[in-house]
Amino acid sequence: MSVSSEQSRQRLIVPALGGLYSALRDGAETLLRAVAGGFLAIHGSSKIMNPFGAAEMVEGLGFYPGAFWSLLLACAEFFGGIFVALGFLTRPAAFAGLFVLLVTVWFHWVTMGQGFSGAEKSLLWSAMLFFFVIRGGNRHSVDAQIGKAF
């Protein structure tokens, strides 16, 4: 056990839980990545079936040409979600999803005037994906298995 782990245990109210927390840390992070990516892929599955279907909507948000951005939106959500879930090209895939979600935060909060209540799910998803932009896929990822990360 490292000195920092030992110091962390000493600060716990129940020090005996330190071993459990250490043992579950990587698994919890992997579960969060798999859930965030899986849910993003599920959310994007309808868009990938009709990748140009959101063209009018994205043009309404100021993204031209709509067909290009609609295709990018569908791919970022569906394929990016799968990549995040697997931990393959984790950082760029999470970044693409984060960009999409920050646009939805703007849309709900500012454009639609819904404030926090309209944007809170997108904010939560954004926070999860930001975590993986910074941390990458961890040791339980395809990135780690191939020995390369972005």
C-alpha atoms as a PDB file:
ATOM      1  CA  MET A   1       0.000   0.000   0.000  1.00  0.00           C
ATOM      2  CA  SER A   2       1.337   3.417  -0.906  1.00  0.00           C
ATOM      3  CA  VAL A   3       1.788   6.253   1.557  1.00  0.00           C
ATOM      4  CA  SER A   4      -1.055   8.232  -0.035  1.00  0.00           C
ATOM      5  CA  SER A   5      -3.438   5.259   0.275  1.00  0.00           C
ATOM      6  CA  GLU A   6      -2.402   4.850   3.888  1.00  0.00           C
ATOM      7  CA  GLN A   7      -2.993   8.559   4.539  1.00  0.00           C
ATOM      8  CA  SER A   8      -6.394   8.367   2.828  1.00  0.00           C
ATOM      9  CA  ARG A   9      -7.416   5.440   5.040  1.00  0.00           C
ATOM     10  CA  GLN A  10      -6.415   7.342   8.152  1.00  0.00           C
ATOM     11  CA  ARG A  11      -8.815  10.137   7.189  1.00  0.00           C
ATOM     12  CA  LEU A  12     -11.776   7.810   6.729  1.00  0.00           C
ATOM     13  CA  ILE A  13     -14.368   7.752   9.482  1.00  0.00           C
ATOM     14  CA  VAL A  14     -14.388   3.970   9.074  1.00  0.00           C
ATOM     15  CA  PRO A  15     -10.795   3.153   8.046  1.00  0.00           C
ATOM     16  CA  ALA A  16     -11.659  -0.492   7.420  1.00  0.00           C
ATOM     17  CA  LEU A  17     -13.644   0.612   4.356  1.00  0.00           C
ATOM     18  CA  GLY A  18     -10.485   1.898   2.672  1.00  0.00           C
ATOM     19  CA  GLY A  19      -9.667  -1.515   1.233  1.00  0.00           C
ATOM     20  CA  LEU A  20     -13.166  -1.889  -0.178  1.00  0.00           C
ATOM     21  CA  TYR A  21     -13.029   1.565  -1.757  1.00  0.00           C
ATOM     22  CA  SER A  22      -9.629   0.814  -3.281  1.00  0.00           C
ATOM     23  CA  ALA A  23     -10.788  -2.544  -4.616  1.00  0.00           C
ATOM     24  CA  LEU A  24     -13.907  -1.079  -6.253  1.00  0.00           C
ATOM     25  CA  ARG A  25     -12.386   2.144  -7.631  1.00  0.00           C
ATOM     26  CA  ASP A  26     -11.490   0.876 -11.128  1.00  0.00           C
ATOM     27  CA  GLY A  27     -14.670  -1.164 -11.418  1.00  0.00           C
ATOM     28  CA  ALA A  28     -16.843   1.801 -10.459  1.00  0.00           C
ATOM     29  CA  GLU A  29     -15.103   4.008 -13.013  1.00  0.00           C
ATOM     30  CA  THR A  30     -15.493   1.333 -15.690  1.00  0.00           C
ATOM     31  CA  LEU A  31     -19.187   0.946 -14.850  1.00  0.00           C
ATOM     32  CA  LEU A  32     -19.711   4.711 -15.101  1.00  0.00           C
ATOM     33  CA  ARG A  33     -17.958   4.776 -18.494  1.00  0.00           C
ATOM     34  CA  ALA A  34     -19.976   1.822 -19.793  1.00  0.00           C
ATOM     35  CA  VAL A  35     -23.272   3.303 -18.611  1.00  0.00           C
ATOM     36  CA  ALA A  36     -22.534   6.814 -19.900  1.00  0.00           C
ATOM     37  CA  GLY A  37     -21.410   5.489 -23.277  1.00  0.00           C
ATOM     38  CA  GLY A  38     -24.177   2.913 -23.510  1.00  0.00           C
ATOM     39  CA  PHE A  39     -26.889   5.426 -22.726  1.00  0.00           C
ATOM     40  CA  LEU A  40     -25.417   7.890 -25.219  1.00  0.00           C
ATOM     41  CA  ALA A  41     -25.419   5.170 -27.908  1.00  0.00           C
ATOM     42  CA  ILE A  42     -29.020   4.251 -27.090  1.00  0.00           C
ATOM     43  CA  HIS A  43     -29.981   7.919 -27.273  1.00  0.00           C
ATOM     44  CA  GLY A  44     -28.265   8.191 -30.668  1.00  0.00           C
ATOM     45  CA  SER A  45     -29.668   4.945 -32.082  1.00  0.00           C
ATOM     46  CA  SER A  46     -32.762   6.626 -33.510  1.00  0.00           C
ATOM     47  CA  LYS A  47     -30.605   9.339 -35.067  1.00  0.00           C
ATOM     48  CA  ILE A  48     -28.266   6.845 -36.745  1.00  0.00           C
ATOM     49  CA  MET A  49     -31.296   5.198 -38.404  1.00  0.00           C
ATOM     50  CA  ASN A  50     -32.071   8.550 -40.039  1.00  0.00           C
ATOM     51  CA  PRO A  51     -28.764  10.446 -39.916  1.00  0.00           C
ATOM     52  CA  PHE A  52     -30.053  13.452 -41.840  1.00  0.00           C
ATOM     53  CA  GLY A  53     -33.343  13.673 -39.948  1.00  0.00           C
ATOM     54  CA  ALA A  54     -32.135  16.411 -37.602  1.00  0.00           C
ATOM     55  CA  ALA A  55     -30.892  18.681 -40.403  1.00  0.00           C
ATOM     56  CA  GLU A  56     -33.666  21.220 -39.968  1.00  0.00           C
ATOM     57  CA  MET A  57     -33.287  21.224 -36.192  1.00  0.00           C
ATOM     58  CA  VAL A  58     -29.522  21.810 -36.269  1.00  0.00           C
ATOM     59  CA  GLU A  59     -29.925  24.584 -38.829  1.00  0.00           C
ATOM     60  CA  GLY A  60     -32.435  26.138 -36.445  1.00  0.00           C
ATOM     61  CA  LEU A  61     -29.616  26.221 -33.904  1.00  0.00           C
ATOM     62  CA  GLY A  62     -27.324  27.949 -36.390  1.00  0.00           C
ATOM     63  CA  PHE A  63     -25.286  24.959 -37.595  1.00  0.00           C
ATOM     64  CA  TYR A  64     -25.041  25.021 -41.408  1.00  0.00           C
ATOM     65  CA  PRO A  65     -25.190  22.946 -43.549  1.00  0.00           C
ATOM     66  CA  GLY A  66     -27.761  21.013 -41.587  1.00  0.00           C
ATOM     67  CA  ALA A  67     -27.172  17.692 -43.375  1.00  0.00           C
ATOM     68  CA  PHE A  68     -23.495  17.705 -42.370  1.00  0.00           C
ATOM     69  CA  TRP A  69     -24.150  18.585 -38.719  1.00  0.00           C
ATOM     70  CA  SER A  70     -27.061  16.162 -38.483  1.00  0.00           C
ATOM     71  CA  LEU A  71     -24.819  13.320 -39.674  1.00  0.00           C
ATOM     72  CA  LEU A  72     -22.093  14.395 -37.230  1.00  0.00           C
ATOM     73  CA  LEU A  73     -24.633  14.539 -34.389  1.00  0.00           C
ATOM     74  CA  ALA A  74     -25.870  11.020 -35.151  1.00  0.00           C
ATOM     75  CA  CYS A  75     -22.328   9.621 -35.331  1.00  0.00           C
ATOM     76  CA  ALA A  76     -21.138  11.441 -32.210  1.00  0.00           C
ATOM     77  CA  GLU A  77     -24.024  10.069 -30.164  1.00  0.00           C
ATOM     78  CA  PHE A  78     -24.249   6.541 -31.553  1.00  0.00           C
ATOM     79  CA  PHE A  79     -20.682   5.570 -32.470  1.00  0.00           C
ATOM     80  CA  GLY A  80     -19.148   7.910 -29.893  1.00  0.00           C
ATOM     81  CA  GLY A  81     -21.321   6.317 -27.228  1.00  0.00           C
ATOM     82  CA  ILE A  82     -20.191   2.841 -28.247  1.00  0.00           C
ATOM     83  CA  PHE A  83     -16.556   3.983 -28.234  1.00  0.00           C
ATOM     84  CA  VAL A  84     -16.885   5.531 -24.774  1.00  0.00           C
ATOM     85  CA  ALA A  85     -18.593   2.404 -23.432  1.00  0.00           C
ATOM     86  CA  LEU A  86     -15.783   0.210 -24.774  1.00  0.00           C
ATOM     87  CA  GLY A  87     -13.048   2.658 -23.877  1.00  0.00           C
ATOM     88  CA  PHE A  88     -11.826   2.920 -27.474  1.00  0.00           C
ATOM     89  CA  LEU A  89     -10.527   6.351 -28.483  1.00  0.00           C
ATOM     90  CA  THR A  90     -12.137   7.325 -25.208  1.00  0.00           C
ATOM     91  CA  ARG A  91     -11.025  10.948 -25.007  1.00  0.00           C
ATOM     92  CA  PRO A  92     -11.978  12.043 -28.550  1.00  0.00           C
ATOM     93  CA  ALA A  93     -15.273  10.122 -28.378  1.00  0.00           C
ATOM     94  CA  ALA A  94     -16.109  11.651 -25.004  1.00  0.00           C
ATOM     95  CA  PHE A  95     -15.130  15.092 -26.309  1.00  0.00           C
ATOM     96  CA  ALA A  96     -17.490  14.737 -29.291  1.00  0.00           C
ATOM     97  CA  GLY A  97     -20.315  13.734 -26.965  1.00  0.00           C
ATOM     98  CA  LEU A  98     -19.440  16.574 -24.596  1.00  0.00           C
ATOM     99  CA  PHE A  99     -19.666  19.090 -27.449  1.00  0.00           C
ATOM    100  CA  VAL A 100     -23.117  17.768 -28.417  1.00  0.00           C
ATOM    101  CA  LEU A 101     -24.303  17.921 -24.827  1.00  0.00           C
ATOM    102  CA  LEU A 102     -23.028  21.438 -24.246  1.00  0.00           C
ATOM    103  CA  VAL A 103     -25.032  22.522 -27.292  1.00  0.00           C
ATOM    104  CA  THR A 104     -28.117  20.898 -25.738  1.00  0.00           C
ATOM    105  CA  VAL A 105     -27.400  22.735 -22.465  1.00  0.00           C
ATOM    106  CA  TRP A 106     -27.341  26.012 -24.403  1.00  0.00           C
ATOM    107  CA  PHE A 107     -30.480  25.058 -26.324  1.00  0.00           C
ATOM    108  CA  HIS A 108     -32.550  24.175 -23.258  1.00  0.00           C
ATOM    109  CA  TRP A 109     -31.174  26.786 -20.862  1.00  0.00           C
ATOM    110  CA  VAL A 110     -30.904  29.806 -23.155  1.00  0.00           C
ATOM    111  CA  THR A 111     -32.775  29.246 -26.423  1.00  0.00           C
ATOM    112  CA  MET A 112     -35.806  27.542 -24.879  1.00  0.00           C
ATOM    113  CA  GLY A 113     -35.545  29.578 -21.660  1.00  0.00           C
ATOM    114  CA  GLN A 114     -35.960  26.473 -19.486  1.00  0.00           C
ATOM    115  CA  GLY A 115     -33.027  27.287 -17.228  1.00  0.00           C
ATOM    116  CA  PHE A 116     -31.457  24.659 -15.026  1.00  0.00           C
ATOM    117  CA  SER A 117     -34.528  22.401 -14.965  1.00  0.00           C
ATOM    118  CA  GLY A 118     -34.468  22.053 -18.744  1.00  0.00           C
ATOM    119  CA  ALA A 119     -30.726  21.519 -18.953  1.00  0.00           C
ATOM    120  CA  GLU A 120     -30.002  19.412 -15.872  1.00  0.00           C
ATOM    121  CA  LYS A 121     -29.820  16.020 -17.639  1.00  0.00           C
ATOM    122  CA  SER A 122     -27.499  17.430 -20.263  1.00  0.00           C
ATOM    123  CA  LEU A 123     -25.378  19.005 -17.527  1.00  0.00           C
ATOM    124  CA  LEU A 124     -25.083  15.673 -15.733  1.00  0.00           C
ATOM    125  CA  TRP A 125     -24.134  13.852 -18.944  1.00  0.00           C
ATOM    126  CA  SER A 126     -21.666  16.650 -19.732  1.00  0.00           C
ATOM    127  CA  ALA A 127     -19.983  16.223 -16.357  1.00  0.00           C
ATOM    128  CA  MET A 128     -19.655  12.460 -16.897  1.00  0.00           C
ATOM    129  CA  LEU A 129     -18.188  12.861 -20.365  1.00  0.00           C
ATOM    130  CA  PHE A 130     -15.856  15.637 -19.210  1.00  0.00           C
ATOM    131  CA  PHE A 131     -14.519  13.198 -16.625  1.00  0.00           C
ATOM    132  CA  PHE A 132     -13.616  10.741 -19.397  1.00  0.00           C
ATOM    133  CA  VAL A 133     -12.150  13.471 -21.621  1.00  0.00           C
ATOM    134  CA  ILE A 134      -9.701  14.134 -18.790  1.00  0.00           C
ATOM    135  CA  ARG A 135      -9.186  10.618 -17.385  1.00  0.00           C
ATOM    136  CA  GLY A 136      -9.416   8.465 -20.493  1.00  0.00           C
ATOM    137  CA  GLY A 137     -10.658   4.909 -20.404  1.00  0.00           C
ATOM    138  CA  ASN A 138      -8.749   3.422 -17.407  1.00  0.00           C
ATOM    139  CA  ARG A 139      -7.111  -0.003 -17.331  1.00  0.00           C
ATOM    140  CA  HIS A 140     -10.362  -1.774 -18.252  1.00  0.00           C
ATOM    141  CA  SER A 141     -10.604  -0.246 -21.720  1.00  0.00           C
ATOM    142  CA  VAL A 142      -9.712  -1.090 -25.284  1.00  0.00           C
ATOM    143  CA  ASP A 143      -7.270   1.829 -25.187  1.00  0.00           C
ATOM    144  CA  ALA A 144      -5.390   0.153 -22.323  1.00  0.00           C
ATOM    145  CA  GLN A 145      -5.465  -3.242 -24.040  1.00  0.00           C
ATOM    146  CA  ILE A 146      -3.865  -1.898 -27.199  1.00  0.00           C
ATOM    147  CA  GLY A 147      -1.443   0.218 -25.166  1.00  0.00           C
ATOM    148  CA  LYS A 148      -2.359   3.499 -26.872  1.00  0.00           C
ATOM    149  CA  ALA A 149      -4.512   6.380 -25.741  1.00  0.00           C
ATOM    150  CA  PHE A 150      -5.258   9.745 -27.289  1.00  0.00           C
END
